[in-house]
Full PDB file with SEQRES, HELIX, SHEET, SSBOND, CRYST1, ORIGX, SCALE, CONECT and MASTER records, all heavy atoms in Angstrom:
SEQRES   1 A   33  GLU ALA GLN PRO VAL LEU THR GLY VAL ASN TRP GLU ILE          
SEQRES   2 A   33  SER GLU GLY SER LEU SER CYS VAL ALA THR ASP GLY HIS          
SEQRES   3 A   33  ARG LEU ALA SER ARG SER VAL                                  
HELIX    1 AA1 PRO A    4  THR A    7  5                                   4    
SHEET    1 AA1 3 ASN A  10  SER A  14  0                                        
SHEET    2 AA1 3 SER A  17  THR A  23 -1                                        
SHEET    3 AA1 3 LEU A  28  SER A  32 -1                                        
CRYST1    1.000    1.000    1.000  90.00  90.00  90.00 P 1           1          
ORIGX1      1.000000  0.000000  0.000000        0.00000                         
ORIGX2      0.000000  1.000000  0.000000        0.00000                         
ORIGX3      0.000000  0.000000  1.000000        0.00000                         
SCALE1      1.000000  0.000000  0.000000        0.00000                         
SCALE2      0.000000  1.000000  0.000000        0.00000                         
SCALE3      0.000000  0.000000  1.000000        0.00000                         
ATOM      1  N   GLU A   1     -25.481 -77.814  -9.918  1.00  0.00           N  
ATOM      2  CA  GLU A   1     -24.660 -78.963  -9.521  1.00  0.00           C  
ATOM      3  C   GLU A   1     -23.344 -78.545  -8.902  1.00  0.00           C  
ATOM      4  O   GLU A   1     -22.483 -79.396  -8.655  1.00  0.00           O  
ATOM      5  CB  GLU A   1     -24.412 -79.861 -10.726  1.00  0.00           C  
ATOM      6  CG  GLU A   1     -25.644 -80.607 -11.254  1.00  0.00           C  
ATOM      7  CD  GLU A   1     -26.169 -81.634 -10.261  1.00  0.00           C  
ATOM      8  OE1 GLU A   1     -25.373 -82.126  -9.422  1.00  0.00           O  
ATOM      9  OE2 GLU A   1     -27.370 -81.938 -10.298  1.00  0.00           O  
ATOM     10  N   ALA A   2     -23.158 -77.245  -8.674  1.00  0.00           N  
ATOM     11  CA  ALA A   2     -21.912 -76.764  -8.056  1.00  0.00           C  
ATOM     12  C   ALA A   2     -21.727 -77.407  -6.692  1.00  0.00           C  
ATOM     13  O   ALA A   2     -20.629 -77.746  -6.270  1.00  0.00           O  
ATOM     14  CB  ALA A   2     -21.929 -75.228  -7.946  1.00  0.00           C  
ATOM     15  N   GLN A   3     -22.853 -77.529  -5.921  1.00  0.00           N  
ATOM     16  CA  GLN A   3     -22.837 -78.259  -4.667  1.00  0.00           C  
ATOM     17  C   GLN A   3     -23.942 -79.318  -4.776  1.00  0.00           C  
ATOM     18  O   GLN A   3     -25.096 -79.076  -4.383  1.00  0.00           O  
ATOM     19  CB  GLN A   3     -23.121 -77.319  -3.466  1.00  0.00           C  
ATOM     20  CG  GLN A   3     -21.962 -76.420  -3.099  1.00  0.00           C  
ATOM     21  CD  GLN A   3     -22.290 -75.583  -1.843  1.00  0.00           C  
ATOM     22  OE1 GLN A   3     -22.896 -74.549  -1.953  1.00  0.00           O  
ATOM     23  NE2 GLN A   3     -21.915 -76.118  -0.695  1.00  0.00           N  
ATOM     24  N   PRO A   4     -23.578 -80.485  -5.255  1.00  0.00           N  
ATOM     25  CA  PRO A   4     -24.612 -81.524  -5.510  1.00  0.00           C  
ATOM     26  C   PRO A   4     -25.499 -81.828  -4.323  1.00  0.00           C  
ATOM     27  O   PRO A   4     -26.699 -82.106  -4.488  1.00  0.00           O  
ATOM     28  CB  PRO A   4     -23.807 -82.738  -5.943  1.00  0.00           C  
ATOM     29  CG  PRO A   4     -22.561 -82.164  -6.510  1.00  0.00           C  
ATOM     30  CD  PRO A   4     -22.269 -80.929  -5.694  1.00  0.00           C  
ATOM     31  N   VAL A   5     -24.932 -81.788  -3.114  1.00  0.00           N  
ATOM     32  CA  VAL A   5     -25.710 -82.170  -1.918  1.00  0.00           C  
ATOM     33  C   VAL A   5     -26.906 -81.213  -1.720  1.00  0.00           C  
ATOM     34  O   VAL A   5     -27.917 -81.602  -1.160  1.00  0.00           O  
ATOM     35  CB  VAL A   5     -24.844 -82.206  -0.668  1.00  0.00           C  
ATOM     36  CG1 VAL A   5     -24.422 -80.784  -0.214  1.00  0.00           C  
ATOM     37  CG2 VAL A   5     -25.493 -82.975   0.470  1.00  0.00           C  
ATOM     38  N   LEU A   6     -26.787 -79.962  -2.200  1.00  0.00           N  
ATOM     39  CA  LEU A   6     -27.872 -79.027  -2.022  1.00  0.00           C  
ATOM     40  C   LEU A   6     -29.028 -79.214  -3.030  1.00  0.00           C  
ATOM     41  O   LEU A   6     -30.046 -78.568  -2.921  1.00  0.00           O  
ATOM     42  CB  LEU A   6     -27.377 -77.570  -2.139  1.00  0.00           C  
ATOM     43  CG  LEU A   6     -26.383 -77.098  -1.081  1.00  0.00           C  
ATOM     44  CD1 LEU A   6     -26.079 -75.626  -1.235  1.00  0.00           C  
ATOM     45  CD2 LEU A   6     -26.933 -77.372   0.330  1.00  0.00           C  
ATOM     46  N   THR A   7     -28.837 -80.162  -3.956  1.00  0.00           N  
ATOM     47  CA  THR A   7     -29.971 -80.498  -4.847  1.00  0.00           C  
ATOM     48  C   THR A   7     -30.889 -81.516  -4.168  1.00  0.00           C  
ATOM     49  O   THR A   7     -31.875 -81.932  -4.762  1.00  0.00           O  
ATOM     50  CB  THR A   7     -29.447 -81.111  -6.177  1.00  0.00           C  
ATOM     51  OG1 THR A   7     -28.739 -82.371  -5.900  1.00  0.00           O  
ATOM     52  CG2 THR A   7     -28.524 -80.159  -6.888  1.00  0.00           C  
ATOM     53  N   GLY A   8     -30.593 -81.864  -2.938  1.00  0.00           N  
ATOM     54  CA  GLY A   8     -31.421 -82.808  -2.176  1.00  0.00           C  
ATOM     55  C   GLY A   8     -32.014 -82.202  -0.929  1.00  0.00           C  
ATOM     56  O   GLY A   8     -31.703 -81.055  -0.561  1.00  0.00           O  
ATOM     57  N   VAL A   9     -32.893 -82.947  -0.310  1.00  0.00           N  
ATOM     58  CA  VAL A   9     -33.537 -82.530   0.945  1.00  0.00           C  
ATOM     59  C   VAL A   9     -32.968 -83.392   2.076  1.00  0.00           C  
ATOM     60  O   VAL A   9     -32.905 -84.617   1.948  1.00  0.00           O  
ATOM     61  CB  VAL A   9     -35.062 -82.719   0.902  1.00  0.00           C  
ATOM     62  CG1 VAL A   9     -35.712 -82.234   2.199  1.00  0.00           C  
ATOM     63  CG2 VAL A   9     -35.647 -81.931  -0.305  1.00  0.00           C  
ATOM     64  N   ASN A  10     -32.515 -82.739   3.142  1.00  0.00           N  
ATOM     65  CA  ASN A  10     -31.931 -83.439   4.277  1.00  0.00           C  
ATOM     66  C   ASN A  10     -33.089 -83.950   5.179  1.00  0.00           C  
ATOM     67  O   ASN A  10     -33.885 -83.193   5.686  1.00  0.00           O  
ATOM     68  CB  ASN A  10     -31.055 -82.470   5.072  1.00  0.00           C  
ATOM     69  CG  ASN A  10     -30.287 -83.115   6.214  1.00  0.00           C  
ATOM     70  OD1 ASN A  10     -29.955 -82.484   7.188  1.00  0.00           O  
ATOM     71  ND2 ASN A  10     -30.010 -84.405   6.113  1.00  0.00           N  
ATOM     72  N   TRP A  11     -33.118 -85.296   5.328  1.00  0.00           N  
ATOM     73  CA  TRP A  11     -34.101 -85.929   6.229  1.00  0.00           C  
ATOM     74  C   TRP A  11     -33.380 -86.430   7.458  1.00  0.00           C  
ATOM     75  O   TRP A  11     -32.440 -87.237   7.339  1.00  0.00           O  
ATOM     76  CB  TRP A  11     -34.770 -87.126   5.500  1.00  0.00           C  
ATOM     77  CG  TRP A  11     -35.886 -86.725   4.573  1.00  0.00           C  
ATOM     78  CD1 TRP A  11     -35.931 -85.601   3.803  1.00  0.00           C  
ATOM     79  CD2 TRP A  11     -37.053 -87.447   4.299  1.00  0.00           C  
ATOM     80  NE1 TRP A  11     -37.095 -85.592   3.061  1.00  0.00           N  
ATOM     81  CE2 TRP A  11     -37.808 -86.702   3.349  1.00  0.00           C  
ATOM     82  CE3 TRP A  11     -37.570 -88.672   4.766  1.00  0.00           C  
ATOM     83  CZ2 TRP A  11     -39.044 -87.148   2.863  1.00  0.00           C  
ATOM     84  CZ3 TRP A  11     -38.816 -89.097   4.277  1.00  0.00           C  
ATOM     85  CH2 TRP A  11     -39.529 -88.334   3.355  1.00  0.00           C  
ATOM     86  N   GLU A  12     -33.794 -85.956   8.591  1.00  0.00           N  
ATOM     87  CA  GLU A  12     -33.201 -86.372   9.866  1.00  0.00           C  
ATOM     88  C   GLU A  12     -34.316 -86.885  10.775  1.00  0.00           C  
ATOM     89  O   GLU A  12     -35.293 -86.187  11.031  1.00  0.00           O  
ATOM     90  CB  GLU A  12     -32.468 -85.195  10.502  1.00  0.00           C  
ATOM     91  CG  GLU A  12     -31.651 -85.570  11.715  1.00  0.00           C  
ATOM     92  CD  GLU A  12     -30.787 -84.420  12.227  1.00  0.00           C  
ATOM     93  OE1 GLU A  12     -30.785 -83.334  11.589  1.00  0.00           O  
ATOM     94  OE2 GLU A  12     -30.131 -84.625  13.250  1.00  0.00           O  
ATOM     95  N   ILE A  13     -34.125 -88.121  11.250  1.00  0.00           N  
ATOM     96  CA  ILE A  13     -35.124 -88.723  12.139  1.00  0.00           C  
ATOM     97  C   ILE A  13     -34.469 -89.046  13.474  1.00  0.00           C  
ATOM     98  O   ILE A  13     -33.399 -89.641  13.515  1.00  0.00           O  
ATOM     99  CB  ILE A  13     -35.722 -90.018  11.530  1.00  0.00           C  
ATOM    100  CG1 ILE A  13     -36.545 -89.681  10.279  1.00  0.00           C  
ATOM    101  CG2 ILE A  13     -36.608 -90.744  12.554  1.00  0.00           C  
ATOM    102  CD1 ILE A  13     -37.197 -90.876   9.621  1.00  0.00           C  
ATOM    103  N   SER A  14     -35.137 -88.627  14.529  1.00  0.00           N  
ATOM    104  CA  SER A  14     -34.658 -88.918  15.877  1.00  0.00           C  
ATOM    105  C   SER A  14     -35.841 -88.946  16.827  1.00  0.00           C  
ATOM    106  O   SER A  14     -36.668 -88.013  16.825  1.00  0.00           O  
ATOM    107  CB  SER A  14     -33.616 -87.862  16.332  1.00  0.00           C  
ATOM    108  OG  SER A  14     -33.172 -88.116  17.641  1.00  0.00           O  
ATOM    109  N   GLU A  15     -35.966 -90.024  17.567  1.00  0.00           N  
ATOM    110  CA  GLU A  15     -37.011 -90.185  18.596  1.00  0.00           C  
ATOM    111  C   GLU A  15     -38.417 -89.917  18.023  1.00  0.00           C  
ATOM    112  O   GLU A  15     -39.235 -89.199  18.612  1.00  0.00           O  
ATOM    113  CB  GLU A  15     -36.731 -89.257  19.782  1.00  0.00           C  
ATOM    114  CG  GLU A  15     -35.411 -89.590  20.480  1.00  0.00           C  
ATOM    115  CD  GLU A  15     -35.118 -88.662  21.627  1.00  0.00           C  
ATOM    116  OE1 GLU A  15     -35.835 -87.643  21.773  1.00  0.00           O  
ATOM    117  OE2 GLU A  15     -34.185 -88.948  22.404  1.00  0.00           O  
ATOM    118  N   GLY A  16     -38.666 -90.467  16.850  1.00  0.00           N  
ATOM    119  CA  GLY A  16     -39.994 -90.378  16.280  1.00  0.00           C  
ATOM    120  C   GLY A  16     -40.338 -89.066  15.608  1.00  0.00           C  
ATOM    121  O   GLY A  16     -41.475 -88.847  15.184  1.00  0.00           O  
ATOM    122  N   SER A  17     -39.339 -88.182  15.432  1.00  0.00           N  
ATOM    123  CA  SER A  17     -39.571 -86.901  14.784  1.00  0.00           C  
ATOM    124  C   SER A  17     -38.754 -86.823  13.501  1.00  0.00           C  
ATOM    125  O   SER A  17     -37.556 -87.102  13.509  1.00  0.00           O  
ATOM    126  CB  SER A  17     -39.183 -85.759  15.718  1.00  0.00           C  
ATOM    127  OG  SER A  17     -39.332 -84.519  15.060  1.00  0.00           O  
ATOM    128  N   LEU A  18     -39.392 -86.456  12.409  1.00  0.00           N  
ATOM    129  CA  LEU A  18     -38.743 -86.295  11.115  1.00  0.00           C  
ATOM    130  C   LEU A  18     -38.602 -84.798  10.834  1.00  0.00           C  
ATOM    131  O   LEU A  18     -39.592 -84.073  10.830  1.00  0.00           O  
ATOM    132  CB  LEU A  18     -39.554 -86.973  10.009  1.00  0.00           C  
ATOM    133  CG  LEU A  18     -39.185 -86.607   8.577  1.00  0.00           C  
ATOM    134  CD1 LEU A  18     -37.765 -87.078   8.223  1.00  0.00           C  
ATOM    135  CD2 LEU A  18     -40.203 -87.213   7.581  1.00  0.00           C  
ATOM    136  N   SER A  19     -37.358 -84.377  10.606  1.00  0.00           N  
ATOM    137  CA  SER A  19     -37.094 -82.987  10.248  1.00  0.00           C  
ATOM    138  C   SER A  19     -36.537 -82.958   8.821  1.00  0.00           C  
ATOM    139  O   SER A  19     -35.551 -83.611   8.523  1.00  0.00           O  
ATOM    140  CB  SER A  19     -36.077 -82.362  11.226  1.00  0.00           C  
ATOM    141  OG  SER A  19     -35.719 -81.077  10.797  1.00  0.00           O  
ATOM    142  N   CYS A  20     -37.222 -82.183   7.937  1.00  0.00           N  
ATOM    143  CA  CYS A  20     -36.796 -82.095   6.553  1.00  0.00           C  
ATOM    144  C   CYS A  20     -36.375 -80.677   6.228  1.00  0.00           C  
ATOM    145  O   CYS A  20     -37.119 -79.734   6.535  1.00  0.00           O  
ATOM    146  CB  CYS A  20     -37.934 -82.494   5.623  1.00  0.00           C  
ATOM    147  SG  CYS A  20     -38.535 -84.180   5.875  1.00  0.00           S  
ATOM    148  N   VAL A  21     -35.184 -80.532   5.646  1.00  0.00           N  
ATOM    149  CA  VAL A  21     -34.634 -79.192   5.356  1.00  0.00           C  
ATOM    150  C   VAL A  21     -34.119 -79.164   3.935  1.00  0.00           C  
ATOM    151  O   VAL A  21     -33.404 -80.100   3.499  1.00  0.00           O  
ATOM    152  CB  VAL A  21     -33.504 -78.817   6.340  1.00  0.00           C  
ATOM    153  CG1 VAL A  21     -32.905 -77.451   5.958  1.00  0.00           C  
ATOM    154  CG2 VAL A  21     -34.010 -78.790   7.779  1.00  0.00           C  
ATOM    155  N   ALA A  22     -34.450 -78.090   3.199  1.00  0.00           N  
ATOM    156  CA  ALA A  22     -33.871 -77.847   1.872  1.00  0.00           C  
ATOM    157  C   ALA A  22     -33.387 -76.423   1.797  1.00  0.00           C  
ATOM    158  O   ALA A  22     -34.014 -75.522   2.335  1.00  0.00           O  
ATOM    159  CB  ALA A  22     -34.952 -78.115   0.819  1.00  0.00           C  
ATOM    160  N   THR A  23     -32.262 -76.231   1.153  1.00  0.00           N  
ATOM    161  CA  THR A  23     -31.729 -74.885   0.930  1.00  0.00           C  
ATOM    162  C   THR A  23     -30.916 -74.847  -0.347  1.00  0.00           C  
ATOM    163  O   THR A  23     -30.290 -75.824  -0.721  1.00  0.00           O  
ATOM    164  CB  THR A  23     -30.864 -74.405   2.115  1.00  0.00           C  
ATOM    165  OG1 THR A  23     -30.431 -73.066   1.880  1.00  0.00           O  
ATOM    166  CG2 THR A  23     -29.639 -75.293   2.302  1.00  0.00           C  
ATOM    167  N   ASP A  24     -30.954 -73.679  -1.001  1.00  0.00           N  
ATOM    168  CA  ASP A  24     -30.118 -73.463  -2.175  1.00  0.00           C  
ATOM    169  C   ASP A  24     -29.028 -72.414  -1.888  1.00  0.00           C  
ATOM    170  O   ASP A  24     -28.358 -71.953  -2.815  1.00  0.00           O  
ATOM    171  CB  ASP A  24     -30.945 -73.068  -3.396  1.00  0.00           C  
ATOM    172  CG  ASP A  24     -31.707 -71.771  -3.185  1.00  0.00           C  
ATOM    173  OD1 ASP A  24     -31.546 -71.123  -2.121  1.00  0.00           O  
ATOM    174  OD2 ASP A  24     -32.485 -71.391  -4.093  1.00  0.00           O  
ATOM    175  N   GLY A  25     -28.881 -72.025  -0.626  1.00  0.00           N  
ATOM    176  CA  GLY A  25     -27.920 -71.029  -0.242  1.00  0.00           C  
ATOM    177  C   GLY A  25     -28.495 -69.621  -0.164  1.00  0.00           C  
ATOM    178  O   GLY A  25     -27.887 -68.714   0.412  1.00  0.00           O  
ATOM    179  N   HIS A  26     -29.692 -69.427  -0.748  1.00  0.00           N  
ATOM    180  CA  HIS A  26     -30.343 -68.124  -0.717  1.00  0.00           C  
ATOM    181  C   HIS A  26     -31.660 -68.153   0.061  1.00  0.00           C  
ATOM    182  O   HIS A  26     -32.159 -67.085   0.464  1.00  0.00           O  
ATOM    183  CB  HIS A  26     -30.644 -67.655  -2.157  1.00  0.00           C  
ATOM    184  CG  HIS A  26     -29.425 -67.559  -3.015  1.00  0.00           C  
ATOM    185  ND1 HIS A  26     -28.491 -66.552  -2.890  1.00  0.00           N  
ATOM    186  CD2 HIS A  26     -28.981 -68.377  -4.012  1.00  0.00           C  
ATOM    187  CE1 HIS A  26     -27.511 -66.756  -3.768  1.00  0.00           C  
ATOM    188  NE2 HIS A  26     -27.784 -67.831  -4.462  1.00  0.00           N  
ATOM    189  N   ARG A  27     -32.181 -69.328   0.276  1.00  0.00           N  
ATOM    190  CA  ARG A  27     -33.416 -69.510   1.049  1.00  0.00           C  
ATOM    191  C   ARG A  27     -33.357 -70.904   1.676  1.00  0.00           C  
ATOM    192  O   ARG A  27     -32.566 -71.765   1.304  1.00  0.00           O  
ATOM    193  CB  ARG A  27     -34.625 -69.380   0.123  1.00  0.00           C  
ATOM    194  CG  ARG A  27     -34.548 -70.380  -1.033  1.00  0.00           C  
ATOM    195  CD  ARG A  27     -35.799 -70.266  -1.904  1.00  0.00           C  
ATOM    196  NE  ARG A  27     -35.621 -70.987  -3.160  1.00  0.00           N  
ATOM    197  CZ  ARG A  27     -36.537 -71.127  -4.090  1.00  0.00           C  
ATOM    198  NH1 ARG A  27     -37.743 -70.629  -3.873  1.00  0.00           N  
ATOM    199  NH2 ARG A  27     -36.284 -71.777  -5.219  1.00  0.00           N  
ATOM    200  N   LEU A  28     -34.275 -71.101   2.608  1.00  0.00           N  
ATOM    201  CA  LEU A  28     -34.310 -72.386   3.324  1.00  0.00           C  
ATOM    202  C   LEU A  28     -35.785 -72.711   3.638  1.00  0.00           C  
ATOM    203  O   LEU A  28     -36.570 -71.806   3.986  1.00  0.00           O  
ATOM    204  CB  LEU A  28     -33.499 -72.313   4.592  1.00  0.00           C  
ATOM    205  CG  LEU A  28     -33.463 -73.533   5.519  1.00  0.00           C  
ATOM    206  CD1 LEU A  28     -32.095 -73.639   6.210  1.00  0.00           C  
ATOM    207  CD2 LEU A  28     -34.554 -73.488   6.583  1.00  0.00           C  
ATOM    208  N   ALA A  29     -36.150 -73.974   3.490  1.00  0.00           N  
ATOM    209  CA  ALA A  29     -37.493 -74.436   3.826  1.00  0.00           C  
ATOM    210  C   ALA A  29     -37.374 -75.649   4.735  1.00  0.00           C  
ATOM    211  O   ALA A  29     -36.551 -76.543   4.468  1.00  0.00           O  
ATOM    212  CB  ALA A  29     -38.297 -74.783   2.566  1.00  0.00           C  
ATOM    213  N   SER A  30     -38.136 -75.654   5.819  1.00  0.00           N  
ATOM    214  CA  SER A  30     -38.077 -76.817   6.702  1.00  0.00           C  
ATOM    215  C   SER A  30     -39.460 -77.173   7.222  1.00  0.00           C  
ATOM    216  O   SER A  30     -40.344 -76.327   7.305  1.00  0.00           O  
ATOM    217  CB  SER A  30     -37.154 -76.575   7.890  1.00  0.00           C  
ATOM    218  OG  SER A  30     -37.740 -75.695   8.825  1.00  0.00           O  
ATOM    219  N   ARG A  31     -39.625 -78.462   7.506  1.00  0.00           N  
ATOM    220  CA  ARG A  31     -40.883 -78.982   8.069  1.00  0.00           C  
ATOM    221  C   ARG A  31     -40.549 -80.127   9.008  1.00  0.00           C  
ATOM    222  O   ARG A  31     -39.740 -80.996   8.669  1.00  0.00           O  
ATOM    223  CB  ARG A  31     -41.826 -79.469   6.946  1.00  0.00           C  
ATOM    224  CG  ARG A  31     -43.102 -80.113   7.459  1.00  0.00           C  
ATOM    225  CD  ARG A  31     -44.072 -79.105   8.011  1.00  0.00           C  
ATOM    226  NE  ARG A  31     -45.152 -79.722   8.789  1.00  0.00           N  
ATOM    227  CZ  ARG A  31     -46.333 -80.133   8.306  1.00  0.00           C  
ATOM    228  NH1 ARG A  31     -46.558 -80.014   7.004  1.00  0.00           N  
ATOM    229  NH2 ARG A  31     -47.220 -80.664   9.092  1.00  0.00           N  
ATOM    230  N   SER A  32     -41.171 -80.139  10.174  1.00  0.00           N  
ATOM    231  CA  SER A  32     -41.003 -81.206  11.129  1.00  0.00           C  
ATOM    232  C   SER A  32     -42.329 -81.915  11.363  1.00  0.00           C  
ATOM    233  O   SER A  32     -43.356 -81.264  11.527  1.00  0.00           O  
ATOM    234  CB  SER A  32     -40.470 -80.657  12.445  1.00  0.00           C  
ATOM    235  OG  SER A  32     -39.198 -80.055  12.273  1.00  0.00           O  
ATOM    236  N   VAL A  33     -42.300 -83.254  11.373  1.00  0.00           N  
ATOM    237  CA  VAL A  33     -43.500 -84.045  11.598  1.00  0.00           C  
ATOM    238  C   VAL A  33     -43.133 -85.266  12.448  1.00  0.00           C  
ATOM    239  O   VAL A  33     -41.970 -85.641  12.569  1.00  0.00           O  
ATOM    240  CB  VAL A  33     -44.140 -84.511  10.277  1.00  0.00           C  
ATOM    241  CG1 VAL A  33     -44.636 -83.327   9.472  1.00  0.00           C  
ATOM    242  CG2 VAL A  33     -43.185 -85.363   9.455  1.00  0.00           C  
TER     243      VAL A  33                                                      
MASTER        0    0    0    1    3    0    0    6  242    1    0    3          
END                                                                             
């Protein structure tokens, strides 16, 4: 909980594309659909 926002997944939608990104500062995972 040191950085509460990093406990979530960032969802960004633009022009029919959804980009999801998660990171804990040591790794990152992303998927676009």
